[in-house]
């Protein structure tokens, strides 16, 4: 079928729907619902057989839903309605939830049900939940609804009947209001650590929890428990890896990022590591850095960790939004070198949930006094990390990708000997939509895995790739078919088996010889030098599109139109040839790359 995805942004769920529907042979185009773009005319231009709205903040016009079947993804079980469904579920501590695909009609969230899938809600942030359990349920529901529509015989059910049939315990129709800051507010003197964490998780990554701190108003983003530090409720106790630790009445929480409240007439603000955001306001606090291999660790938070199980080492990292600043890259490189000093034969690199990496940290770059210089420092820091992985010859390195990865983050994964990917992950192995040529040794690792022709096509198309598509291309070696919570356990078992194989020792022994042969023919330094020559030229040119695209992405400026590479011409070309033409101009496409937008379905700032 020819399916049109109607969305407010080409966010993570829309990208996954795009990739998985294409995997199943559908022709897929995207139309963004933008303020100055008349939707009825745009939809008619696409002439779709079916419209699917994975993430839409506005109502579909009657002129559209009366002419075309429009299926809307709602992040709640049958009968749930309202703009903050997922926020309320986390805020209230709900353990079981669901996703419903319903037909658009005159009442928002009130249409007949085409599919519904239940899921559980672990104690993770809203954005992590969105990209994990909710996205898995949403894609399952979308694929089922599309199959039912294609069959031509399925009759969608009214919501009360559908809820009863689905076994929903409370199938009453319930509409709840927008979850505003008056409800999200933290009372540091009265709220327990559990309450504080629940409020922070329900607001992450957007809109954050508005709070007062050190004489200013800030949105708090992210939250992790701390059981070993104590202080006066609301007091700042320590720093670690750019985060601040703040006391509650019965413990403390680590807050990784802050965003200043936007002032009247001021441009939109953006998130930064908390220590950097506070700057000179921050009093002198102890830096509670943790050793990579602690003797014993109380309940606390760290963004980089290491553990061992037999002959396998696991180096985990989890950075907000998947972005990796210069400082984060350097710390991860130090940890990698320390892990390589351990007596293991297999080293697993990656987290257990959510993002692997999305490459350089555009927010930190934008906030720098000299963004060009910080861009240069950041790309060299991540190149150093990739080089260390590529030149490891005394053990096998496995990249474990639990969630989405983009740009340099994909190339970091490709530096390993094997790449394992969770079934729900989406990869964006390209740079051009940010106006960059790219580095991270991609000109070596990408063609090595997929071939020169496919590498060129991936860079030119600049489209998301599903896990199934990635394994077909050769981008990854193994898809781990499991839910988000099971990925770490599954990877642990696979890594233990890999370490026990007789062939592993011979593979390790051959790595040094293979690297020596490569260095004698086409040295790795040459790939890096050629890439960085082009990157330096871009960074140093104030008129290069990268700088405007970066600012647009960081400040979340609205697009003026749907980017050409997502439109009907590209979809038609992809259906005919399997290739999508490149857009002539990358200006205005910044929101399509880097960290896929993790906002809730309807909730804005």
Protein backbone atom coordinates (compact mmCIF):
# COMPACT_ATOMS: atom_id res chain seq x y z
CA UNK A 1 0.00 0.00 0.00
CA UNK A 2 0.89 3.64 -0.29
CA UNK A 3 0.84 4.91 3.29
CA UNK A 4 1.19 8.51 4.39
CA UNK A 5 2.63 9.15 7.84
CA UNK A 6 1.15 12.34 9.22
CA UNK A 7 3.17 13.70 12.14
CA UNK A 8 4.10 16.83 14.04
CA UNK A 9 7.79 15.87 13.78
CA UNK A 10 9.85 13.06 12.33
CA UNK A 11 10.48 11.83 15.86
CA UNK A 12 11.68 8.45 17.08
CA UNK A 13 8.31 6.67 16.80
CA UNK A 14 7.57 8.14 13.37
CA UNK A 15 11.01 7.04 12.22
CA UNK A 16 10.43 3.52 13.48
CA UNK A 17 7.01 3.32 11.82
CA UNK A 18 8.57 4.60 8.58
CA UNK A 19 11.33 1.97 8.66
CA UNK A 20 9.16 -0.99 9.68
CA UNK A 21 6.39 -0.26 7.18
CA UNK A 22 8.96 0.02 4.39
CA UNK A 23 10.45 -3.29 5.57
CA UNK A 24 7.06 -4.86 4.86
CA UNK A 25 6.90 -3.62 1.29
CA UNK A 26 4.74 -0.53 1.73
CA UNK A 27 5.51 2.74 -0.02
CA UNK A 28 5.79 5.29 2.76
CA UNK A 29 5.85 9.08 2.59
CA UNK A 30 5.79 11.62 5.41
CA UNK A 31 3.90 14.88 5.72
CA UNK A 32 4.60 17.10 8.71
CA UNK A 33 1.63 18.93 10.21
CA UNK A 34 3.08 22.44 10.22
CA UNK A 35 1.26 25.67 11.12
CA UNK A 36 1.52 27.30 7.69
CA UNK A 37 0.98 24.15 5.65
CA UNK A 38 -2.65 23.37 4.64
CA UNK A 39 -3.03 19.67 5.44
CA UNK A 40 -6.00 18.83 3.17
CA UNK A 41 -4.11 20.00 0.10
CA UNK A 42 -0.93 18.22 1.19
CA UNK A 43 -2.71 14.92 1.81
CA UNK A 44 -4.50 15.10 -1.55
CA UNK A 45 -1.14 15.59 -3.22
CA UNK A 46 0.09 12.31 -1.69
CA UNK A 47 -3.10 10.42 -2.68
CA UNK A 48 -2.53 7.79 0.05
CA UNK A 49 -4.48 4.58 0.47
CA UNK A 50 -4.12 4.98 4.22
CA UNK A 51 -3.02 7.72 6.61
CA UNK A 52 -1.23 6.81 9.86
CA UNK A 53 -0.44 9.41 12.54
CA UNK A 54 2.23 8.04 14.90
CA UNK A 55 2.78 11.36 16.72
CA UNK A 56 0.43 14.24 16.15
CA UNK A 57 -0.09 17.25 18.43
CA UNK A 58 -3.03 18.69 16.51
CA UNK A 59 -6.39 17.39 15.34
CA UNK A 60 -6.70 16.04 11.80
CA UNK A 61 -9.02 18.33 9.79
CA UNK A 62 -12.48 16.94 9.02
CA UNK A 63 -11.80 17.44 5.32
CA UNK A 64 -9.01 14.88 5.63
CA UNK A 65 -10.54 12.19 7.87
CA UNK A 66 -13.80 12.15 5.90
CA UNK A 67 -11.90 11.54 2.64
CA UNK A 68 -9.24 9.12 3.90
CA UNK A 69 -9.08 6.50 6.62
CA UNK A 70 -6.80 8.07 9.22
CA UNK A 71 -5.39 5.90 12.01
CA UNK A 72 -4.13 7.78 15.06
CA UNK A 73 -1.73 6.30 17.63
CA UNK A 74 -2.77 7.18 21.18
CA UNK A 75 -0.37 6.41 24.07
CA UNK A 76 -2.97 4.97 26.37
CA UNK A 77 -5.27 1.96 26.74
CA UNK A 78 -8.71 1.81 25.20
CA UNK A 79 -10.92 4.54 26.66
CA UNK A 80 -8.09 6.78 27.80
CA UNK A 81 -8.16 10.29 26.36
CA UNK A 82 -6.27 13.52 26.75
CA UNK A 83 -3.00 15.28 25.89
CA UNK A 84 -0.83 13.93 28.75
CA UNK A 85 -1.75 10.27 28.90
CA UNK A 86 1.72 8.86 29.44
CA UNK A 87 2.65 11.62 31.85
CA UNK A 88 -0.37 10.83 34.04
CA UNK A 89 0.38 7.10 33.97
CA UNK A 90 3.92 7.64 35.29
CA UNK A 91 2.86 10.37 37.69
CA UNK A 92 0.27 8.07 39.28
CA UNK A 93 2.60 5.07 39.43
CA UNK A 94 0.58 2.89 37.03
CA UNK A 95 2.23 -0.47 36.33
CA UNK A 96 0.19 -1.62 33.31
CA UNK A 97 -0.65 0.60 30.37
CA UNK A 98 -1.20 0.29 26.64
CA UNK A 99 -1.33 1.89 23.21
CA UNK A 100 -4.45 2.26 21.06
CA UNK A 101 -4.72 2.83 17.31
CA UNK A 102 -8.04 4.53 16.63
CA UNK A 103 -9.76 6.09 13.65
CA UNK A 104 -9.79 9.88 13.52
CA UNK A 105 -13.20 11.49 13.79
CA UNK A 106 -14.77 14.65 15.20
CA UNK A 107 -13.79 13.89 18.81
CA UNK A 108 -10.12 13.91 19.77
CA UNK A 109 -9.11 10.38 20.86
CA UNK A 110 -12.76 9.32 20.52
CA UNK A 111 -12.72 7.27 17.32
CA UNK A 112 -13.31 3.58 16.80
CA UNK A 113 -10.50 1.18 17.69
CA UNK A 114 -8.49 -0.68 15.05
CA UNK A 115 -5.95 -2.22 17.43
CA UNK A 116 -4.76 -2.03 21.02
CA UNK A 117 -1.70 -3.54 22.70
CA UNK A 118 -0.94 -3.57 26.40
CA UNK A 119 2.45 -3.06 27.99
CA UNK A 120 3.95 -2.65 31.42
CA UNK A 121 5.51 0.54 32.78
CA UNK A 122 8.89 0.07 34.49
CA UNK A 123 10.36 2.81 36.65
CA UNK A 124 12.15 4.71 33.92
CA UNK A 125 11.76 8.19 32.46
CA UNK A 126 8.92 9.05 30.11
CA UNK A 127 11.22 9.47 27.12
CA UNK A 128 12.96 6.15 27.79
CA UNK A 129 9.58 4.47 28.19
CA UNK A 130 8.35 6.12 24.99
CA UNK A 131 11.25 4.74 22.96
CA UNK A 132 11.04 1.36 24.69
CA UNK A 133 7.90 -0.40 25.93
CA UNK A 134 5.49 2.17 24.48
CA UNK A 135 7.14 2.20 21.06
CA UNK A 136 7.16 -1.61 20.95
CA UNK A 137 3.44 -1.69 21.75
CA UNK A 138 2.71 1.15 19.31
CA UNK A 139 4.46 -0.53 16.38
CA UNK A 140 2.76 -3.85 17.12
CA UNK A 141 -0.59 -2.07 17.17
CA UNK A 142 0.15 -0.08 14.00
CA UNK A 143 1.23 -3.16 12.04
CA UNK A 144 -1.88 -5.04 13.19
CA UNK A 145 -4.14 -2.13 12.25
CA UNK A 146 -2.52 -1.78 8.81
CA UNK A 147 -2.92 -5.52 8.23
CA UNK A 148 -6.59 -5.34 9.22
CA UNK A 149 -7.19 -2.36 6.96
CA UNK A 150 -5.47 -4.07 4.03
CA UNK A 151 -7.64 -7.15 4.52
CA UNK A 152 -10.73 -5.09 3.79
CA UNK A 153 -13.09 -6.98 6.10
CA UNK A 154 -12.25 -5.79 9.60
CA UNK A 155 -14.78 -3.51 11.26
CA UNK A 156 -13.27 -1.29 13.99
CA UNK A 157 -15.06 -1.32 17.34
CA UNK A 158 -16.42 1.48 19.42
CA UNK A 159 -14.19 2.22 22.38
CA UNK A 160 -16.42 0.79 25.13
CA UNK A 161 -16.91 -2.48 23.23
CA UNK A 162 -13.24 -2.66 22.24
CA UNK A 163 -12.15 -2.14 25.83
CA UNK A 164 -14.34 -4.95 27.08
CA UNK A 165 -13.16 -7.27 24.31
CA UNK A 166 -9.53 -6.47 25.08
CA UNK A 167 -10.01 -7.39 28.72
CA UNK A 168 -9.36 -3.86 29.99
CA UNK A 169 -10.24 -3.93 33.66
CA UNK A 170 -11.58 -0.38 33.67
CA UNK A 171 -12.84 0.37 30.17
CA UNK A 172 -14.68 3.54 31.16
CA UNK A 173 -14.06 6.47 28.83
CA UNK A 174 -11.80 8.83 30.72
CA UNK A 175 -10.45 12.15 29.52
CA UNK A 176 -7.78 13.83 31.60
CA UNK A 177 -6.40 17.37 31.29
CA UNK A 178 -2.96 18.53 30.40
CA UNK A 179 -0.55 17.74 33.23
CA UNK A 180 0.69 21.23 34.08
CA UNK A 181 3.45 22.50 36.33
CA UNK A 182 1.11 23.05 39.29
CA UNK A 183 0.75 19.26 39.53
CA UNK A 184 4.37 18.49 38.65
CA UNK A 185 5.79 20.87 41.30
CA UNK A 186 8.20 19.30 43.79
CA UNK A 187 7.86 20.13 47.47
CA UNK A 188 11.38 19.35 48.64
CA UNK A 189 10.42 19.53 52.31
CA UNK A 190 7.48 17.13 52.02
CA UNK A 191 7.96 14.90 48.98
CA UNK A 192 9.77 11.60 49.49
CA UNK A 193 12.59 10.54 47.19
CA UNK A 194 10.15 8.18 45.48
CA UNK A 195 7.68 11.04 44.88
CA UNK A 196 10.41 13.34 43.55
CA UNK A 197 11.68 10.67 41.15
CA UNK A 198 8.19 9.91 39.90
CA UNK A 199 7.59 13.60 39.11
CA UNK A 200 10.94 13.92 37.38
CA UNK A 201 10.38 10.76 35.32
CA UNK A 202 6.91 11.88 34.23
CA UNK A 203 8.33 15.16 32.87
CA UNK A 204 11.43 13.86 31.11
CA UNK A 205 12.51 14.76 28.52
CA UNK A 206 9.77 17.36 28.07
CA UNK A 207 8.63 19.64 29.59
CA UNK A 208 10.82 19.09 32.68
CA UNK A 209 9.83 20.08 36.21
CA UNK A 210 9.88 23.83 36.85
CA UNK A 211 11.72 24.65 40.08
CA UNK A 212 13.66 27.39 41.84
CA UNK A 213 17.36 26.86 42.37
CA UNK A 214 20.14 29.25 43.37
CA UNK A 215 18.05 32.32 42.68
CA UNK A 216 16.84 31.25 39.25
CA UNK A 217 13.98 29.32 37.67
CA UNK A 218 14.98 26.07 35.99
CA UNK A 219 13.38 23.05 34.40
CA UNK A 220 14.83 19.90 35.93
CA UNK A 221 15.48 17.03 33.52
CA UNK A 222 16.19 13.45 34.56
CA UNK A 223 16.38 11.94 38.02
CA UNK A 224 18.23 9.07 39.69
CA UNK A 225 18.18 7.93 43.34
CA UNK A 226 21.06 8.43 45.77
CA UNK A 227 21.01 6.57 49.08
CA UNK A 228 24.39 7.48 50.56
CA UNK A 229 24.23 11.29 50.72
CA UNK A 230 22.02 13.31 53.05
CA UNK A 231 21.31 16.98 53.64
CA UNK A 232 18.69 19.62 54.20
CA UNK A 233 15.76 19.04 51.76
CA UNK A 234 16.37 21.01 48.57
CA UNK A 235 20.07 21.55 49.31
CA UNK A 236 22.71 20.79 46.68
CA UNK A 237 25.11 18.17 48.06
CA UNK A 238 27.61 17.20 45.39
CA UNK A 239 28.38 16.95 41.68
CA UNK A 240 29.26 13.98 39.48
CA UNK A 241 29.85 13.82 35.74
CA UNK A 242 28.09 17.14 35.16
CA UNK A 243 25.07 16.27 37.32
CA UNK A 244 24.08 17.77 40.67
CA UNK A 245 22.88 15.84 43.71
CA UNK A 246 19.97 17.42 45.60
CA UNK A 247 18.69 16.36 49.01
CA UNK A 248 15.15 15.16 49.64
CA UNK A 249 13.49 14.63 53.01
CA UNK A 250 14.60 10.98 53.10
CA UNK A 251 17.53 10.75 50.70
CA UNK A 252 18.73 12.52 47.58
CA UNK A 253 18.44 12.53 43.79
CA UNK A 254 20.93 13.11 40.98
CA UNK A 255 19.71 15.59 38.33
CA UNK A 256 21.78 15.36 35.13
CA UNK A 257 20.41 18.32 33.14
CA UNK A 258 18.83 21.74 33.62
CA UNK A 259 17.14 24.21 31.30
CA UNK A 260 16.60 27.85 32.29
CA UNK A 261 13.07 29.16 32.13
CA UNK A 262 12.52 31.25 29.03
CA UNK A 263 12.21 34.95 29.75
CA UNK A 264 9.72 37.34 28.06
CA UNK A 265 10.84 38.11 24.52
CA UNK A 266 13.80 35.75 24.84
CA UNK A 267 14.68 32.89 22.46
CA UNK A 268 13.86 29.31 23.49
CA UNK A 269 16.25 27.82 26.01
CA UNK A 270 17.78 24.36 25.84
CA UNK A 271 19.07 21.63 28.15
CA UNK A 272 22.66 21.44 29.32
CA UNK A 273 24.55 19.34 31.86
CA UNK A 274 23.46 20.75 35.22
CA UNK A 275 26.91 21.90 36.34
CA UNK A 276 27.49 23.72 33.05
CA UNK A 277 24.02 25.28 33.10
CA UNK A 278 24.46 26.68 36.60
CA UNK A 279 27.92 28.01 35.85
CA UNK A 280 29.12 30.63 38.32
CA UNK A 281 25.92 30.31 40.38
CA UNK A 282 27.04 26.89 41.59
CA UNK A 283 28.66 26.97 45.03
CA UNK A 284 31.76 24.93 45.79
CA UNK A 285 30.61 21.31 46.04
CA UNK A 286 32.53 18.04 46.30
CA UNK A 287 32.88 16.10 43.04
CA UNK A 288 31.80 12.59 44.02
CA UNK A 289 33.43 10.73 41.14
CA UNK A 290 33.20 6.94 41.29
CA UNK A 291 36.04 4.58 40.41
CA UNK A 292 35.28 2.36 37.43
CA UNK A 293 35.70 -0.77 39.53
CA UNK A 294 34.43 0.06 43.05
CA UNK A 295 34.80 -2.41 45.87
CA UNK A 296 31.14 -1.99 46.74
CA UNK A 297 28.60 0.51 45.45
CA UNK A 298 25.62 1.78 47.43
CA UNK A 299 22.45 2.82 45.64
CA UNK A 300 23.74 5.64 43.49
CA UNK A 301 23.97 6.84 39.89
CA UNK A 302 26.75 6.95 37.36
CA UNK A 303 26.70 7.42 33.58
CA UNK A 304 29.60 4.99 33.01
CA UNK A 305 29.92 1.61 34.73
CA UNK A 306 31.81 -1.64 34.45
CA UNK A 307 31.25 -5.19 35.63
CA UNK A 308 32.66 -8.62 34.87
CA UNK A 309 31.17 -12.05 34.53
CA UNK A 310 33.81 -14.70 33.95
CA UNK A 311 35.82 -13.85 30.85
CA UNK A 312 33.43 -11.09 29.78
CA UNK A 313 33.66 -7.42 30.68
CA UNK A 314 30.67 -5.10 30.31
CA UNK A 315 31.39 -1.38 29.87
CA UNK A 316 28.06 0.41 30.05
CA UNK A 317 27.31 4.06 29.41
CA UNK A 318 24.13 6.11 29.33
CA UNK A 319 24.23 9.78 28.38
CA UNK A 320 21.06 11.95 28.27
CA UNK A 321 19.62 12.02 24.77
CA UNK A 322 22.46 9.85 23.52
CA UNK A 323 24.64 12.92 22.92
CA UNK A 324 28.33 12.69 23.84
CA UNK A 325 30.22 15.87 24.70
CA UNK A 326 33.98 16.25 24.53
CA UNK A 327 34.22 15.59 28.26
CA UNK A 328 31.94 12.54 28.09
CA UNK A 329 33.91 11.06 25.18
CA UNK A 330 37.15 11.51 27.08
CA UNK A 331 35.79 9.91 30.23
CA UNK A 332 34.42 6.99 28.24
CA UNK A 333 37.79 6.57 26.52
CA UNK A 334 39.53 6.49 29.92
CA UNK A 335 37.03 3.86 31.09
CA UNK A 336 37.54 1.85 27.90
CA UNK A 337 41.29 1.80 28.40
CA UNK A 338 40.83 0.72 32.00
CA UNK A 339 38.43 -2.04 30.92
CA UNK A 340 40.98 -3.22 28.35
CA UNK A 341 43.49 -3.68 31.15
CA UNK A 342 41.24 -6.32 32.72
CA UNK A 343 41.80 -10.09 32.06
CA UNK A 344 38.82 -10.71 29.77
CA UNK A 345 38.51 -12.16 26.27
CA UNK A 346 35.27 -10.37 25.33
CA UNK A 347 34.38 -6.74 26.07
CA UNK A 348 30.77 -5.61 25.59
CA UNK A 349 30.37 -1.90 24.92
CA UNK A 350 26.95 -0.32 25.41
CA UNK A 351 24.09 0.29 27.80
CA UNK A 352 21.26 -1.97 28.86
CA UNK A 353 18.38 0.28 27.79
CA UNK A 354 17.58 3.17 25.48
CA UNK A 355 20.09 5.13 23.39
CA UNK A 356 23.46 3.76 22.37
CA UNK A 357 24.86 7.06 21.09
CA UNK A 358 23.86 9.88 18.77
CA UNK A 359 27.35 11.28 18.30
CA UNK A 360 28.60 14.76 19.19
CA UNK A 361 26.72 16.93 21.70
CA UNK A 362 25.10 19.75 19.72
CA UNK A 363 23.66 21.50 22.80
CA UNK A 364 27.04 21.76 24.51
CA UNK A 365 28.58 22.94 21.24
CA UNK A 366 25.89 25.60 20.81
CA UNK A 367 26.46 26.89 24.36
CA UNK A 368 30.23 27.15 23.93
CA UNK A 369 31.95 30.52 23.66
CA UNK A 370 33.41 29.29 20.36
CA UNK A 371 31.08 26.65 18.82
CA UNK A 372 33.49 25.98 15.95
CA UNK A 373 36.33 25.21 18.36
CA UNK A 374 34.09 23.04 20.53
CA UNK A 375 32.83 21.19 17.45
CA UNK A 376 36.46 20.44 16.55
CA UNK A 377 37.29 19.29 20.07
CA UNK A 378 34.18 17.09 20.24
CA UNK A 379 34.74 15.36 16.90
CA UNK A 380 38.37 14.65 17.79
CA UNK A 381 37.37 13.26 21.20
CA UNK A 382 34.89 10.82 19.70
CA UNK A 383 37.38 9.92 16.96
CA UNK A 384 39.90 9.05 19.69
CA UNK A 385 37.35 6.71 21.25
CA UNK A 386 36.53 5.04 17.94
CA UNK A 387 40.23 4.63 17.18
CA UNK A 388 40.76 2.88 20.51
CA UNK A 389 38.02 0.38 19.69
CA UNK A 390 39.28 -0.18 16.15
CA UNK A 391 42.83 -0.86 17.35
CA UNK A 392 41.97 -3.24 20.21
CA UNK A 393 43.68 -6.52 19.30
CA UNK A 394 43.81 -8.51 22.56
CA UNK A 395 40.09 -9.31 22.89
CA UNK A 396 36.85 -9.30 20.93
CA UNK A 397 34.78 -6.14 21.28
CA UNK A 398 30.99 -6.31 20.93
CA UNK A 399 28.81 -3.23 20.51
CA UNK A 400 25.46 -3.83 22.20
CA UNK A 401 22.84 -1.39 20.89
CA UNK A 402 19.79 -1.42 23.20
CA UNK A 403 18.00 1.48 21.53
CA UNK A 404 18.37 4.14 18.89
CA UNK A 405 21.67 5.35 17.49
CA UNK A 406 22.52 8.03 14.96
CA UNK A 407 25.37 9.63 13.05
CA UNK A 408 28.68 9.19 14.90
CA UNK A 409 27.00 6.94 17.44
CA UNK A 410 26.32 4.37 14.72
CA UNK A 411 29.92 4.62 13.55
CA UNK A 412 31.17 4.09 17.12
CA UNK A 413 29.20 0.83 17.19
CA UNK A 414 30.61 -0.25 13.82
CA UNK A 415 34.16 -0.02 15.18
CA UNK A 416 33.61 -3.22 17.18
CA UNK A 417 34.20 -6.78 15.99
CA UNK A 418 30.51 -7.62 16.31
CA UNK A 419 27.39 -5.45 16.55
CA UNK A 420 24.30 -6.71 18.36
CA UNK A 421 21.11 -4.71 18.21
CA UNK A 422 17.78 -4.91 20.03
CA UNK A 423 14.83 -5.59 17.76
CA UNK A 424 13.20 -2.23 18.54
CA UNK A 425 16.23 -0.05 17.76
CA UNK A 426 16.34 2.45 14.91
CA UNK A 427 19.63 3.45 13.30
CA UNK A 428 20.35 6.66 11.38
CA UNK A 429 23.78 6.06 9.77
CA UNK A 430 24.17 9.46 8.12
CA UNK A 431 25.26 13.07 8.71
CA UNK A 432 24.18 15.22 5.79
CA UNK A 433 20.97 16.57 7.30
CA UNK A 434 23.16 18.41 9.80
CA UNK A 435 25.33 19.73 6.99
CA UNK A 436 28.27 17.53 7.94
CA UNK A 437 30.50 15.14 6.01
CA UNK A 438 31.07 13.08 9.16
CA UNK A 439 34.05 11.42 10.77
CA UNK A 440 34.46 8.61 13.35
CA UNK A 441 36.27 6.59 10.64
CA UNK A 442 33.00 6.03 8.79
CA UNK A 443 34.73 6.02 5.41
CA UNK A 444 36.46 2.83 6.57
CA UNK A 445 33.93 1.06 8.80
CA UNK A 446 30.71 1.62 6.84
CA UNK A 447 31.94 0.35 3.42
CA UNK A 448 33.74 -2.48 5.22
CA UNK A 449 30.39 -3.70 6.53
CA UNK A 450 27.87 -2.93 3.79
CA UNK A 451 29.96 -2.28 0.68
CA UNK A 452 30.75 1.01 -1.04
CA UNK A 453 27.48 1.25 -2.99
CA UNK A 454 25.23 0.64 0.02
CA UNK A 455 27.33 3.00 2.16
CA UNK A 456 26.89 5.78 -0.38
CA UNK A 457 23.16 5.10 -0.58
CA UNK A 458 22.70 5.18 3.21
CA UNK A 459 24.51 8.51 3.41
CA UNK A 460 22.54 9.96 0.51
CA UNK A 461 19.09 8.70 1.52
CA UNK A 462 19.47 9.89 5.10
CA UNK A 463 16.59 7.67 6.23
CA UNK A 464 16.11 5.57 9.36
CA UNK A 465 16.95 1.88 9.26
CA UNK A 466 15.18 -0.72 11.39
CA UNK A 467 17.04 -3.48 13.18
CA UNK A 468 15.80 -6.00 10.61
CA UNK A 469 16.93 -3.74 7.79
CA UNK A 470 20.29 -3.26 9.49
CA UNK A 471 20.99 -6.97 9.72
CA UNK A 472 20.02 -7.46 6.05
CA UNK A 473 22.43 -4.70 5.04
CA UNK A 474 25.22 -6.06 7.22
CA UNK A 475 25.24 -3.01 9.50
CA UNK A 476 24.68 -5.33 12.46
CA UNK A 477 25.50 -8.98 13.00
CA UNK A 478 22.70 -10.03 15.30
CA UNK A 479 19.22 -8.81 16.24
CA UNK A 480 18.28 -9.62 19.83
CA UNK A 481 14.52 -10.08 19.75
CA UNK A 482 13.41 -9.04 23.23
CA UNK A 483 11.82 -6.27 25.24
CA UNK A 484 13.86 -3.33 26.56
CA UNK A 485 14.23 -4.78 30.06
CA UNK A 486 15.53 -8.13 28.81
CA UNK A 487 18.27 -6.83 26.49
CA UNK A 488 21.04 -6.69 29.10
CA UNK A 489 20.31 -10.22 30.29
CA UNK A 490 20.15 -11.61 26.75
CA UNK A 491 23.40 -9.89 25.78
CA UNK A 492 25.08 -11.29 28.90
CA UNK A 493 24.19 -14.83 27.90
CA UNK A 494 25.29 -14.35 24.30
CA UNK A 495 28.59 -12.80 25.38
CA UNK A 496 29.30 -15.67 27.77
CA UNK A 497 28.74 -18.15 24.95
CA UNK A 498 30.98 -16.13 22.63
CA UNK A 499 33.78 -16.14 25.22
CA UNK A 500 33.50 -19.93 25.59
CA UNK A 501 33.75 -20.74 21.88
CA UNK A 502 37.03 -22.36 20.80
CA UNK A 503 37.08 -20.11 17.72
CA UNK A 504 37.17 -16.96 19.85
CA UNK A 505 40.82 -17.46 20.79
CA UNK A 506 41.83 -17.84 17.15
CA UNK A 507 39.80 -14.76 16.18
CA UNK A 508 41.63 -12.73 18.82
CA UNK A 509 44.98 -14.03 17.66
CA UNK A 510 44.22 -12.99 14.09
CA UNK A 511 43.24 -9.41 14.98
CA UNK A 512 46.80 -8.13 15.36
CA UNK A 513 47.84 -9.57 12.00
CA UNK A 514 44.76 -8.09 10.29
CA UNK A 515 45.42 -4.65 11.77
CA UNK A 516 49.07 -4.76 10.72
CA UNK A 517 48.05 -5.62 7.15
CA UNK A 518 45.56 -2.76 7.10
CA UNK A 519 48.10 -0.29 8.44
CA UNK A 520 50.65 -1.34 5.80
CA UNK A 521 48.15 -0.84 2.96
CA UNK A 522 45.66 1.87 3.97
CA UNK A 523 46.52 3.27 7.41
CA UNK A 524 43.60 4.19 9.67
CA UNK A 525 45.19 7.60 10.18
CA UNK A 526 44.57 8.36 6.53
CA UNK A 527 40.82 7.80 6.82
CA UNK A 528 40.68 10.08 9.86
CA UNK A 529 42.80 12.79 8.26
CA UNK A 530 40.66 12.93 5.12
CA UNK A 531 37.43 13.05 7.12
CA UNK A 532 38.67 15.70 9.52
CA UNK A 533 40.01 17.88 6.72
CA UNK A 534 36.45 18.24 5.44
CA UNK A 535 35.01 18.63 8.94
CA UNK A 536 37.52 21.35 9.86
CA UNK A 537 36.61 23.25 6.69
CA UNK A 538 32.93 23.13 7.69
CA UNK A 539 33.52 24.14 11.30
CA UNK A 540 35.77 27.04 10.31
CA UNK A 541 33.31 28.47 7.77
CA UNK A 542 30.72 30.64 9.57
CA UNK A 543 28.50 30.48 6.48
CA UNK A 544 28.49 26.66 6.30
CA UNK A 545 24.93 25.28 6.66
CA UNK A 546 26.02 23.25 9.70
CA UNK A 547 25.99 26.26 11.99
CA UNK A 548 22.46 27.34 11.09
CA UNK A 549 21.24 23.75 11.16
CA UNK A 550 22.79 23.18 14.58
CA UNK A 551 21.17 26.33 15.99
CA UNK A 552 17.82 25.32 14.52
CA UNK A 553 18.05 21.83 16.00
CA UNK A 554 19.14 22.98 19.46
CA UNK A 555 16.53 25.75 19.69
CA UNK A 556 13.84 23.49 18.19
CA UNK A 557 12.89 25.98 15.51
CA UNK A 558 9.89 24.98 13.46
CA UNK A 559 10.39 23.74 9.94
CA UNK A 560 8.80 25.71 7.12
CA UNK A 561 7.94 22.61 5.10
CA UNK A 562 8.28 18.85 5.03
CA UNK A 563 11.88 18.01 4.04
CA UNK A 564 12.05 16.79 0.43
CA UNK A 565 13.70 13.48 1.29
CA UNK A 566 10.54 12.48 3.22
CA UNK A 567 7.99 13.57 0.63
CA UNK A 568 6.02 11.88 -2.16
CA UNK A 569 8.72 12.11 -4.85
CA UNK A 570 11.22 10.39 -2.58
CA UNK A 571 8.72 7.69 -1.62
CA UNK A 572 7.87 7.01 -5.26
CA UNK A 573 11.53 6.86 -6.23
CA UNK A 574 12.22 4.52 -3.32
CA UNK A 575 9.41 2.23 -4.43
CA UNK A 576 10.76 2.09 -8.01
CA UNK A 577 14.48 1.81 -7.38
CA UNK A 578 15.03 1.22 -3.70
CA UNK A 579 16.87 4.57 -3.63
CA UNK A 580 15.76 7.98 -2.45
CA UNK A 581 17.15 11.07 -4.20
CA UNK A 582 19.12 13.46 -2.02
CA UNK A 583 17.59 16.85 -1.28
CA UNK A 584 19.26 19.71 -3.11
CA UNK A 585 19.34 21.87 -0.02
CA UNK A 586 19.75 20.69 3.56
CA UNK A 587 18.62 24.01 5.02
CA UNK A 588 15.68 23.59 7.35
CA UNK A 589 16.09 19.86 7.98
CA UNK A 590 17.82 20.00 11.34
CA UNK A 591 15.01 18.39 13.27
CA UNK A 592 15.29 15.13 11.39
CA UNK A 593 18.67 13.95 12.67
CA UNK A 594 20.81 13.65 15.75
CA UNK A 595 18.86 12.59 18.81
CA UNK A 596 15.40 11.54 17.59
CA UNK A 597 12.86 13.78 19.26
CA UNK A 598 11.63 11.99 22.42
CA UNK A 599 8.70 14.27 23.25
CA UNK A 600 5.35 12.81 24.28
CA UNK A 601 2.75 12.41 21.55
CA UNK A 602 0.97 15.68 22.20
CA UNK A 603 2.94 17.44 24.86
CA UNK A 604 4.98 20.46 23.89
CA UNK A 605 7.10 22.83 25.90
